[in-house]
């Protein structure tokens, strides 16, 4: 079976999610991908840093397509915000999947990937702010609500993982639906 670079990225992402950047040894990466060191360096001549950058780019592309663009460009902002929450719930597997970008933001690798980490979160808050403004919120209030929303999602992921209880994430998402005016209490 011939494996391509793009086919390796999901396995790489899971190693980084489970072990962090520093804990993702080449031995673990090789085991998870089924590729030897030579094949890994063929796909990623820059080593682990290039692997992490490629994984972050793939995460960013998914969010750009499924979250940022619909929020920014959509014509039905309430529905677009609801769709964002659905997409995020699915992507993070109801809080059971760690946010890789968030993990990099908190770990030792933050400085090496500061542009990627900052861009991901800033674009998410900005796109959500635009949608919330189109819903009739004042720009400052929309920006504050967007920050609160992203922070709630990220915090719910951490708490769900820490307590091994996906109901925490589900409750956080429900509270956001109410807070964002998408659902009544």
Foldseek 3Di string as FASTA:
>chain_A
DDDDPVNLLVLLLVLCQVQNLVRSDQVNSCVSRVHDPVVVCVSPVVPSLSSLVVNLVVVLVVCVVQQLCCLQPPPQLLVNVVSNLVVLCVVCVLLVGADSLVSCCPDPNCVVCVVSSVVSLVSQLVSQLNSLVVVPDDSVVSSVLSVVLVVLQNVQSVVCNVVVNSVSSVVSSVVNCCVSVNDPD
